[in-house]
Amino acid sequence: MENYKIVWKREIFGEIEIFANSANEAKQNLNCMDNKQLISSSKLWTHDHKTEIKNIDTRYGSFDEKTWLEIG
């Protein structure tokens, strides 16, 4: 077995309830959340698109997804 460091990208969507005095305050509260807070506080959805691999670091070097699959 080997270690592979993979840089990936996936689009996710979520729904969150924020209690605030106004829409503006709710938006400000949302924008103040870091990714971890936002994800842990939300109901998440994904779509059927596959996860996109940007880069793979291996003991043989760094590759894009196409090259990695060709030599894999």
Protein backbone atom coordinates (compact mmCIF):
# COMPACT_ATOMS: atom_id res chain seq x y z
CA MET A 1 0.00 0.00 0.00
CA GLU A 2 1.09 3.53 -0.75
CA ASN A 3 0.12 7.04 0.30
CA TYR A 4 -1.45 9.33 -2.29
CA LYS A 5 -2.02 13.02 -1.58
CA ILE A 6 -4.98 14.06 -3.73
CA VAL A 7 -6.23 17.61 -4.32
CA TRP A 8 -9.94 17.29 -5.12
CA LYS A 9 -12.93 19.49 -5.90
CA ARG A 10 -16.60 18.78 -5.39
CA GLU A 11 -19.53 21.15 -5.47
CA ILE A 12 -21.87 20.91 -2.50
CA PHE A 13 -25.02 22.75 -1.56
CA GLY A 14 -26.61 23.29 1.79
CA GLU A 15 -29.50 24.70 3.74
CA ILE A 16 -29.07 26.45 7.06
CA GLU A 17 -31.46 28.17 9.45
CA ILE A 18 -30.18 31.42 10.90
CA PHE A 19 -32.20 33.33 13.45
CA ALA A 20 -31.69 37.08 13.08
CA ASN A 21 -33.52 40.39 13.36
CA SER A 22 -33.33 41.07 9.62
CA ALA A 23 -32.35 39.50 6.31
CA ASN A 24 -29.24 41.68 6.31
CA GLU A 25 -28.21 40.41 9.75
CA ALA A 26 -28.83 36.81 8.66
CA LYS A 27 -26.63 37.34 5.60
CA GLN A 28 -23.88 38.89 7.74
CA ASN A 29 -24.04 35.96 10.16
CA LEU A 30 -23.78 33.53 7.26
CA ASN A 31 -20.78 35.35 5.80
CA CYS A 32 -19.00 35.28 9.18
CA MET A 33 -19.06 31.48 9.34
CA ASP A 34 -15.96 29.57 8.32
CA ASN A 35 -16.37 26.46 6.14
CA LYS A 36 -16.31 24.06 9.09
CA GLN A 37 -19.07 25.95 10.92
CA LEU A 38 -21.14 26.27 7.76
CA ILE A 39 -20.92 22.58 6.88
CA SER A 40 -21.55 21.32 10.41
CA SER A 41 -24.61 23.61 10.76
CA SER A 42 -26.20 22.77 7.41
CA LYS A 43 -28.20 20.06 5.72
CA LEU A 44 -26.01 19.16 2.76
CA TRP A 45 -26.84 18.10 -0.77
CA THR A 46 -24.61 16.98 -3.57
CA HIS A 47 -25.22 16.25 -7.22
CA ASP A 48 -24.31 13.26 -9.35
CA HIS A 49 -21.18 14.82 -10.83
CA LYS A 50 -18.07 12.86 -9.98
CA THR A 51 -15.44 14.33 -7.71
CA GLU A 52 -12.89 16.20 -9.79
CA ILE A 53 -9.25 15.39 -9.11
CA LYS A 54 -6.96 18.35 -9.58
CA ASN A 55 -3.61 16.86 -8.63
CA ILE A 56 -2.07 13.67 -7.20
CA ASP A 57 1.28 13.57 -5.43
CA THR A 58 2.91 10.13 -5.44
CA ARG A 59 6.36 8.77 -4.78
CA TYR A 60 6.89 8.98 -8.56
CA GLY A 61 5.98 12.67 -8.76
CA SER A 62 2.98 14.93 -9.13
CA PHE A 63 0.35 14.23 -11.82
CA ASP A 64 -2.98 15.47 -13.12
CA GLU A 65 -5.86 12.97 -13.09
CA LYS A 66 -5.53 11.92 -16.76
CA THR A 67 -1.81 11.16 -16.50
CA TRP A 68 -2.25 9.38 -13.15
CA LEU A 69 -4.92 7.08 -14.60
CA GLU A 70 -2.80 6.37 -17.68
CA ILE A 71 0.19 5.21 -15.62
CA GLY A 72 -1.92 3.62 -12.85
